Amino acid sequence: SLRDDYAVSTPELDAFVTLARIAGALGARLTGAGFGGCAIALIEKSNVRALTESVTLAFAQQGYHAPMWYEFSPAAGAEVVL
């Protein structure tokens, strides 16, 4: 909805989301305020390499800046410790 409703996406972010889905992501989307910000993909660890390689190659072919990658693993949420 950030892309369609608010027009704050970029071709790079849209390409990332498309390529993430092709690489097997369960979901991918723009995060933050847009305008060249960040995107996130929820993807199996075994598919991370395919995603990073395909996006990096596609960005180079399109003349986009090389993407920066951060890999995170889900963890339990915060809790109150008494």
Protein backbone atom coordinates (compact mmCIF):
# COMPACT_ATOMS: atom_id res chain seq x y z
CA SER A 1 0.00 0.00 0.00
CA LEU A 2 2.96 2.38 0.46
CA ARG A 3 3.71 2.03 -3.25
CA ASP A 4 0.13 2.18 -4.51
CA ASP A 5 -1.59 4.44 -1.97
CA TYR A 6 1.20 6.88 -1.16
CA ALA A 7 3.56 6.63 -4.15
CA VAL A 8 6.68 6.53 -1.97
CA SER A 9 8.37 3.50 -3.50
CA THR A 10 11.23 3.46 -6.00
CA PRO A 11 12.07 1.18 -8.94
CA GLU A 12 14.83 -0.42 -6.83
CA LEU A 13 12.47 -1.26 -3.96
CA ASP A 14 9.85 -2.60 -6.34
CA ALA A 15 12.50 -4.75 -8.07
CA PHE A 16 13.68 -6.12 -4.71
CA VAL A 17 10.16 -7.14 -3.72
CA THR A 18 9.58 -8.87 -7.06
CA LEU A 19 12.92 -10.70 -6.97
CA ALA A 20 12.41 -11.72 -3.34
CA ARG A 21 9.11 -13.36 -4.21
CA ILE A 22 10.77 -15.19 -7.13
CA ALA A 23 13.55 -16.39 -4.78
CA GLY A 24 10.95 -17.96 -2.51
CA ALA A 25 10.20 -15.26 0.04
CA LEU A 26 6.97 -15.76 1.95
CA GLY A 27 6.56 -12.00 1.78
CA ALA A 28 8.54 -8.89 0.95
CA ARG A 29 7.74 -5.21 1.26
CA LEU A 30 8.96 -1.67 1.55
CA THR A 31 9.53 -0.54 5.12
CA GLY A 32 9.92 2.90 6.64
CA ALA A 33 9.10 6.12 4.84
CA GLY A 34 10.13 5.00 1.36
CA PHE A 35 11.87 7.17 -1.21
CA GLY A 36 14.82 4.79 -1.46
CA GLY A 37 14.60 3.46 2.07
CA CYS A 38 14.53 -0.21 2.94
CA ALA A 39 12.74 -3.39 2.07
CA ILE A 40 12.45 -6.59 4.02
CA ALA A 41 11.87 -10.18 2.96
CA LEU A 42 10.74 -13.11 5.06
CA ILE A 43 12.64 -15.99 3.50
CA GLU A 44 13.94 -19.43 4.44
CA LYS A 45 17.61 -19.40 5.40
CA SER A 46 18.35 -21.85 2.59
CA ASN A 47 17.13 -19.27 0.02
CA VAL A 48 19.03 -16.24 1.33
CA ARG A 49 22.02 -16.74 -0.97
CA ALA A 50 19.81 -17.06 -4.06
CA LEU A 51 18.04 -13.86 -3.08
CA THR A 52 21.17 -11.82 -2.48
CA GLU A 53 22.80 -13.04 -5.68
CA SER A 54 19.77 -12.42 -7.89
CA VAL A 55 19.08 -8.96 -6.49
CA THR A 56 22.73 -7.91 -6.64
CA LEU A 57 22.98 -9.05 -10.27
CA ALA A 58 19.70 -7.44 -11.30
CA PHE A 59 20.64 -4.15 -9.64
CA ALA A 60 24.00 -4.10 -11.45
CA GLN A 61 22.29 -4.84 -14.77
CA GLN A 62 19.79 -2.01 -14.20
CA GLY A 63 22.49 0.47 -13.16
CA TYR A 64 21.18 0.73 -9.58
CA HIS A 65 23.45 1.18 -6.59
CA ALA A 66 24.61 -2.09 -5.05
CA PRO A 67 22.25 -3.12 -2.23
CA MET A 68 23.35 -3.40 1.38
CA TRP A 69 22.33 -6.60 3.16
CA TYR A 70 21.44 -7.29 6.77
CA GLU A 71 20.43 -10.78 7.80
CA PHE A 72 18.35 -11.29 10.93
CA SER A 73 16.85 -14.34 12.56
CA PRO A 74 13.52 -14.12 14.35
CA ALA A 75 13.56 -14.37 18.10
CA ALA A 76 11.10 -14.26 20.95
CA GLY A 77 9.63 -10.86 21.70
CA ALA A 78 10.48 -8.67 24.65
CA GLU A 79 9.14 -9.62 28.03
CA VAL A 80 9.05 -8.20 31.52
CA VAL A 81 11.52 -9.89 33.85
CA LEU A 82 10.74 -9.45 37.53
